[in-house]
C-alpha cells in the first residue's frame, strides 16, 4: 500500500493573520492542497467506474447519505459549520457521480 501525503504551502494560522495578504496566502495554500485531495478523490471515482460491472450501481442513494452523515459528524468534531460542509459535499458527490458515469461510459459503454 502506498501512502500519500498532501503538502500545504507555508501560511499563518488564521488567528495569526494580520493582513489580507496573510489571509489570501493561507487560502491560496489550502486551495492548492484541496485540489490535490480532490484529484485523488477523482481517482477513486475512476476506480469505482472500472470496478463496477453494472452502470446502474453508479448512483447509490444509501451510500450518498452515509457519506454526508460521516462528513457532518467530522465537521462537527473539527469545528466546521455543517451549513458549509453539507452543501459542499452534496455538490462534490453530485459532480463525482457525473464523473463516474462518464468514466464508466468511456471504459465500458
N, C-alpha and C. Protein backbone atom coordinates (compact mmCIF):
# COMPACT_ATOMS: atom_id res chain seq x y z
N UNK A 1 0.84 -1.18 0.00
CA UNK A 1 0.00 0.00 0.00
C UNK A 1 0.89 1.24 0.00
N UNK A 2 0.59 2.15 -0.91
CA UNK A 2 1.33 3.40 -0.99
C UNK A 2 0.55 4.47 -0.25
N UNK A 3 1.21 5.12 0.66
CA UNK A 3 0.57 6.22 1.39
C UNK A 3 1.04 7.53 0.78
N UNK A 4 0.10 8.45 0.61
CA UNK A 4 0.46 9.75 0.06
C UNK A 4 0.26 10.81 1.14
N UNK A 5 1.03 11.86 1.02
CA UNK A 5 0.91 12.96 1.96
C UNK A 5 0.77 14.24 1.17
N UNK A 6 -0.29 14.96 1.40
CA UNK A 6 -0.54 16.22 0.71
C UNK A 6 0.16 17.33 1.49
N UNK A 7 1.02 18.04 0.80
CA UNK A 7 1.72 19.17 1.41
C UNK A 7 0.88 20.44 1.26
N UNK A 8 0.82 21.21 2.31
CA UNK A 8 0.15 22.51 2.27
C UNK A 8 1.24 23.56 2.37
N UNK A 9 1.19 24.53 1.46
CA UNK A 9 2.21 25.56 1.44
C UNK A 9 2.28 26.35 2.74
N UNK A 10 3.34 27.11 2.86
CA UNK A 10 3.54 27.91 4.07
C UNK A 10 2.43 28.94 4.20
N UNK A 11 1.98 29.08 5.44
CA UNK A 11 0.90 30.03 5.73
C UNK A 11 0.83 30.24 7.23
N UNK A 12 0.25 31.32 7.61
CA UNK A 12 -0.03 31.57 9.02
C UNK A 12 -1.34 30.88 9.38
N UNK A 13 -1.49 30.50 10.64
CA UNK A 13 -2.79 30.03 11.08
C UNK A 13 -3.72 31.25 11.11
N UNK A 14 -5.02 31.04 10.90
CA UNK A 14 -5.93 32.17 10.81
C UNK A 14 -5.82 33.19 11.95
N UNK A 15 -5.68 32.72 13.18
CA UNK A 15 -5.60 33.65 14.31
C UNK A 15 -4.36 34.53 14.29
N UNK A 16 -3.33 34.12 13.55
CA UNK A 16 -2.10 34.90 13.47
C UNK A 16 -2.08 35.87 12.29
N UNK A 17 -3.08 35.81 11.41
CA UNK A 17 -3.12 36.71 10.25
C UNK A 17 -3.33 38.15 10.71
N UNK A 18 -2.52 39.04 10.13
CA UNK A 18 -2.62 40.46 10.47
C UNK A 18 -3.06 41.30 9.27
N UNK A 19 -2.91 40.75 8.06
CA UNK A 19 -3.25 41.50 6.85
C UNK A 19 -4.07 40.60 5.93
N UNK A 20 -4.70 41.25 4.94
CA UNK A 20 -5.43 40.47 3.94
C UNK A 20 -4.46 39.65 3.10
N UNK A 21 -3.23 40.08 2.94
CA UNK A 21 -2.22 39.29 2.23
C UNK A 21 -1.99 37.98 2.98
N UNK A 22 -1.89 38.05 4.31
CA UNK A 22 -1.74 36.84 5.12
C UNK A 22 -2.92 35.89 4.89
N UNK A 23 -4.11 36.45 4.92
CA UNK A 23 -5.33 35.65 4.72
C UNK A 23 -5.31 35.01 3.34
N UNK A 24 -5.02 35.80 2.33
CA UNK A 24 -5.05 35.30 0.95
C UNK A 24 -3.98 34.24 0.72
N UNK A 25 -2.82 34.40 1.31
CA UNK A 25 -1.78 33.38 1.18
C UNK A 25 -2.24 32.07 1.81
N UNK A 26 -2.89 32.16 2.95
CA UNK A 26 -3.41 30.96 3.61
C UNK A 26 -4.48 30.27 2.78
N UNK A 27 -5.41 31.06 2.27
CA UNK A 27 -6.48 30.50 1.44
C UNK A 27 -5.91 29.86 0.18
N UNK A 28 -4.98 30.55 -0.47
CA UNK A 28 -4.39 30.01 -1.70
C UNK A 28 -3.63 28.71 -1.44
N UNK A 29 -2.90 28.63 -0.33
CA UNK A 29 -2.18 27.41 0.02
C UNK A 29 -3.16 26.26 0.26
N UNK A 30 -4.22 26.54 0.98
CA UNK A 30 -5.21 25.50 1.25
C UNK A 30 -5.93 25.09 -0.03
N UNK A 31 -6.22 26.05 -0.92
CA UNK A 31 -6.88 25.71 -2.18
C UNK A 31 -6.02 24.75 -3.00
N UNK A 32 -4.72 24.97 -3.05
CA UNK A 32 -3.84 24.07 -3.79
C UNK A 32 -3.86 22.66 -3.17
N UNK A 33 -3.88 22.60 -1.85
CA UNK A 33 -3.95 21.30 -1.17
C UNK A 33 -5.29 20.62 -1.44
N UNK A 34 -6.36 21.40 -1.43
CA UNK A 34 -7.68 20.83 -1.72
C UNK A 34 -7.75 20.29 -3.14
N UNK A 35 -7.15 20.99 -4.09
CA UNK A 35 -7.11 20.50 -5.47
C UNK A 35 -6.40 19.15 -5.52
N UNK A 36 -5.29 19.03 -4.82
CA UNK A 36 -4.57 17.75 -4.79
C UNK A 36 -5.44 16.65 -4.18
N UNK A 37 -6.14 16.94 -3.11
CA UNK A 37 -7.01 15.95 -2.48
C UNK A 37 -8.18 15.58 -3.38
N UNK A 38 -8.77 16.58 -4.04
CA UNK A 38 -9.89 16.31 -4.94
C UNK A 38 -9.44 15.50 -6.15
N UNK A 39 -8.23 15.72 -6.60
CA UNK A 39 -7.68 14.93 -7.69
C UNK A 39 -7.58 13.46 -7.28
N UNK A 40 -7.12 13.23 -6.06
CA UNK A 40 -7.06 11.86 -5.56
C UNK A 40 -8.45 11.26 -5.43
N UNK A 41 -9.42 12.04 -4.93
CA UNK A 41 -10.80 11.56 -4.80
C UNK A 41 -11.35 11.18 -6.18
N UNK A 42 -11.05 12.02 -7.18
CA UNK A 42 -11.49 11.74 -8.54
C UNK A 42 -10.91 10.40 -9.01
N UNK A 43 -9.69 10.11 -8.63
CA UNK A 43 -9.09 8.83 -8.98
C UNK A 43 -9.87 7.66 -8.41
N UNK A 44 -10.41 7.83 -7.21
CA UNK A 44 -11.24 6.77 -6.63
C UNK A 44 -12.54 6.60 -7.41
N UNK A 45 -13.07 7.69 -7.96
CA UNK A 45 -14.29 7.60 -8.76
C UNK A 45 -13.99 6.84 -10.06
N UNK A 46 -12.82 7.09 -10.65
CA UNK A 46 -12.42 6.34 -11.84
C UNK A 46 -12.25 4.86 -11.50
N UNK A 47 -11.68 4.58 -10.34
CA UNK A 47 -11.52 3.18 -9.91
C UNK A 47 -12.88 2.53 -9.70
N UNK A 48 -13.82 3.26 -9.11
CA UNK A 48 -15.17 2.71 -8.90
C UNK A 48 -15.82 2.39 -10.24
N UNK A 49 -15.66 3.28 -11.21
CA UNK A 49 -16.22 3.03 -12.54
C UNK A 49 -15.60 1.79 -13.18
N UNK A 50 -14.32 1.62 -12.97
CA UNK A 50 -13.62 0.45 -13.51
C UNK A 50 -14.09 -0.84 -12.84
N UNK A 51 -14.36 -0.77 -11.54
CA UNK A 51 -14.71 -1.95 -10.76
C UNK A 51 -16.17 -2.35 -10.91
N UNK A 52 -17.07 -1.37 -11.00
CA UNK A 52 -18.50 -1.67 -11.07
C UNK A 52 -18.85 -2.26 -12.44
N UNK A 53 -19.44 -3.45 -12.41
CA UNK A 53 -19.80 -4.13 -13.66
C UNK A 53 -21.08 -3.56 -14.26
N UNK A 54 -21.91 -2.96 -13.43
CA UNK A 54 -23.23 -2.50 -13.88
C UNK A 54 -23.35 -1.00 -13.68
N UNK A 55 -23.69 -0.28 -14.76
CA UNK A 55 -23.82 1.18 -14.71
C UNK A 55 -24.86 1.64 -13.69
N UNK A 56 -25.88 0.81 -13.46
CA UNK A 56 -26.93 1.19 -12.51
C UNK A 56 -26.41 1.25 -11.07
N UNK A 57 -25.23 0.72 -10.84
CA UNK A 57 -24.64 0.74 -9.50
C UNK A 57 -23.89 2.05 -9.21
N UNK A 58 -23.75 2.92 -10.22
CA UNK A 58 -23.01 4.17 -10.01
C UNK A 58 -23.73 5.06 -9.00
N UNK A 59 -25.03 5.24 -9.17
CA UNK A 59 -25.80 6.07 -8.24
C UNK A 59 -26.30 5.19 -7.10
N UNK A 60 -25.90 5.53 -5.88
CA UNK A 60 -26.22 4.72 -4.70
C UNK A 60 -26.66 5.65 -3.57
N UNK A 61 -27.98 5.89 -3.50
CA UNK A 61 -28.52 6.84 -2.52
C UNK A 61 -28.10 6.51 -1.08
N UNK A 62 -28.19 5.25 -0.62
CA UNK A 62 -27.75 4.97 0.75
C UNK A 62 -26.28 5.34 0.99
N UNK A 63 -25.42 5.10 0.01
CA UNK A 63 -24.01 5.47 0.16
C UNK A 63 -23.85 6.99 0.22
N UNK A 64 -24.61 7.71 -0.59
CA UNK A 64 -24.56 9.18 -0.56
C UNK A 64 -24.90 9.68 0.83
N UNK A 65 -25.99 9.18 1.39
CA UNK A 65 -26.41 9.64 2.72
C UNK A 65 -25.42 9.22 3.80
N UNK A 66 -24.80 8.06 3.63
CA UNK A 66 -23.77 7.62 4.57
C UNK A 66 -22.57 8.57 4.53
N UNK A 67 -22.13 8.93 3.33
CA UNK A 67 -21.01 9.86 3.19
C UNK A 67 -21.34 11.20 3.83
N UNK A 68 -22.52 11.73 3.52
CA UNK A 68 -22.92 13.04 4.07
C UNK A 68 -23.00 12.98 5.59
N UNK A 69 -23.55 11.92 6.12
CA UNK A 69 -23.64 11.76 7.57
C UNK A 69 -22.25 11.75 8.21
N UNK A 70 -21.32 11.02 7.61
CA UNK A 70 -19.96 10.96 8.14
C UNK A 70 -19.26 12.32 8.04
N UNK A 71 -19.50 13.02 6.94
CA UNK A 71 -18.90 14.35 6.77
C UNK A 71 -19.45 15.32 7.80
N UNK A 72 -20.74 15.27 8.04
CA UNK A 72 -21.34 16.18 9.04
C UNK A 72 -20.78 15.89 10.43
N UNK A 73 -20.61 14.63 10.76
CA UNK A 73 -20.03 14.28 12.06
C UNK A 73 -18.58 14.77 12.14
N UNK A 74 -17.81 14.57 11.08
CA UNK A 74 -16.43 15.04 11.07
C UNK A 74 -16.38 16.56 11.14
N UNK A 75 -17.30 17.23 10.47
CA UNK A 75 -17.36 18.69 10.51
C UNK A 75 -17.63 19.18 11.93
N UNK A 76 -18.60 18.57 12.59
CA UNK A 76 -18.89 18.95 13.98
C UNK A 76 -17.66 18.78 14.85
N UNK A 77 -16.99 17.66 14.70
CA UNK A 77 -15.81 17.37 15.51
C UNK A 77 -14.68 18.36 15.25
N UNK A 78 -14.54 18.77 13.98
CA UNK A 78 -13.44 19.67 13.59
C UNK A 78 -13.77 21.15 13.78
N UNK A 79 -15.04 21.45 14.00
CA UNK A 79 -15.44 22.85 14.14
C UNK A 79 -15.82 23.52 12.83
N UNK A 80 -16.09 22.72 11.80
CA UNK A 80 -16.54 23.24 10.52
C UNK A 80 -18.06 23.33 10.54
N UNK A 81 -18.57 24.46 10.13
CA UNK A 81 -20.02 24.65 10.08
C UNK A 81 -20.66 23.61 9.16
N UNK A 82 -21.68 22.94 9.66
CA UNK A 82 -22.40 21.98 8.83
C UNK A 82 -23.08 22.68 7.66
N UNK A 83 -23.40 23.97 7.82
CA UNK A 83 -24.03 24.70 6.72
C UNK A 83 -23.04 24.97 5.59
N UNK A 84 -21.77 24.79 5.85
CA UNK A 84 -20.76 24.81 4.78
C UNK A 84 -20.52 23.38 4.31
N UNK A 85 -20.29 22.47 5.24
CA UNK A 85 -19.89 21.10 4.89
C UNK A 85 -20.94 20.37 4.05
N UNK A 86 -22.18 20.38 4.49
CA UNK A 86 -23.17 19.55 3.80
C UNK A 86 -23.39 19.96 2.34
N UNK A 87 -23.66 21.24 2.05
CA UNK A 87 -23.87 21.56 0.63
C UNK A 87 -22.61 21.39 -0.23
N UNK A 88 -21.45 21.62 0.35
CA UNK A 88 -20.20 21.42 -0.40
C UNK A 88 -20.08 19.94 -0.76
N UNK A 89 -20.31 19.06 0.20
CA UNK A 89 -20.17 17.63 -0.10
C UNK A 89 -21.27 17.12 -1.00
N UNK A 90 -22.48 17.61 -0.85
CA UNK A 90 -23.54 17.17 -1.77
C UNK A 90 -23.22 17.57 -3.20
N UNK A 91 -22.67 18.76 -3.39
CA UNK A 91 -22.25 19.18 -4.73
C UNK A 91 -21.09 18.32 -5.20
N UNK A 92 -20.11 18.10 -4.33
CA UNK A 92 -18.96 17.26 -4.68
C UNK A 92 -19.43 15.86 -5.08
N UNK A 93 -20.30 15.28 -4.31
CA UNK A 93 -20.81 13.94 -4.61
C UNK A 93 -21.53 13.93 -5.96
N UNK A 94 -22.36 14.93 -6.20
CA UNK A 94 -23.09 15.04 -7.45
C UNK A 94 -22.13 15.07 -8.64
N UNK A 95 -21.11 15.89 -8.55
CA UNK A 95 -20.13 16.02 -9.64
C UNK A 95 -19.29 14.75 -9.77
N UNK A 96 -18.99 14.10 -8.65
CA UNK A 96 -18.23 12.86 -8.70
C UNK A 96 -19.04 11.74 -9.34
N UNK A 97 -20.34 11.71 -9.07
CA UNK A 97 -21.20 10.72 -9.71
C UNK A 97 -21.24 10.95 -11.21
N UNK A 98 -21.36 12.22 -11.62
CA UNK A 98 -21.35 12.53 -13.06
C UNK A 98 -20.03 12.08 -13.69
N UNK A 99 -18.92 12.33 -12.99
CA UNK A 99 -17.61 11.91 -13.48
C UNK A 99 -17.54 10.38 -13.57
N UNK A 100 -18.09 9.70 -12.57
CA UNK A 100 -18.06 8.24 -12.58
C UNK A 100 -18.89 7.68 -13.73
N UNK A 101 -20.06 8.27 -13.97
CA UNK A 101 -20.86 7.84 -15.13
C UNK A 101 -20.06 8.00 -16.42
N UNK A 102 -19.43 9.16 -16.58
CA UNK A 102 -18.64 9.43 -17.78
C UNK A 102 -17.50 8.44 -17.91
N UNK A 103 -16.81 8.17 -16.80
CA UNK A 103 -15.71 7.20 -16.81
C UNK A 103 -16.23 5.81 -17.15
N UNK A 104 -17.36 5.44 -16.57
CA UNK A 104 -17.94 4.12 -16.84
C UNK A 104 -18.26 4.00 -18.34
N UNK A 105 -18.91 5.04 -18.88
CA UNK A 105 -19.29 5.02 -20.29
C UNK A 105 -18.07 4.92 -21.20
N UNK A 106 -16.99 5.61 -20.84
CA UNK A 106 -15.79 5.58 -21.68
C UNK A 106 -15.09 4.23 -21.64
N UNK A 107 -15.17 3.55 -20.52
CA UNK A 107 -14.45 2.29 -20.42
C UNK A 107 -15.31 1.07 -20.74
N UNK A 108 -16.63 1.19 -20.55
CA UNK A 108 -17.48 0.01 -20.73
C UNK A 108 -18.66 0.23 -21.65
N UNK A 109 -18.94 1.48 -21.97
CA UNK A 109 -20.14 1.80 -22.75
C UNK A 109 -20.08 1.51 -24.20
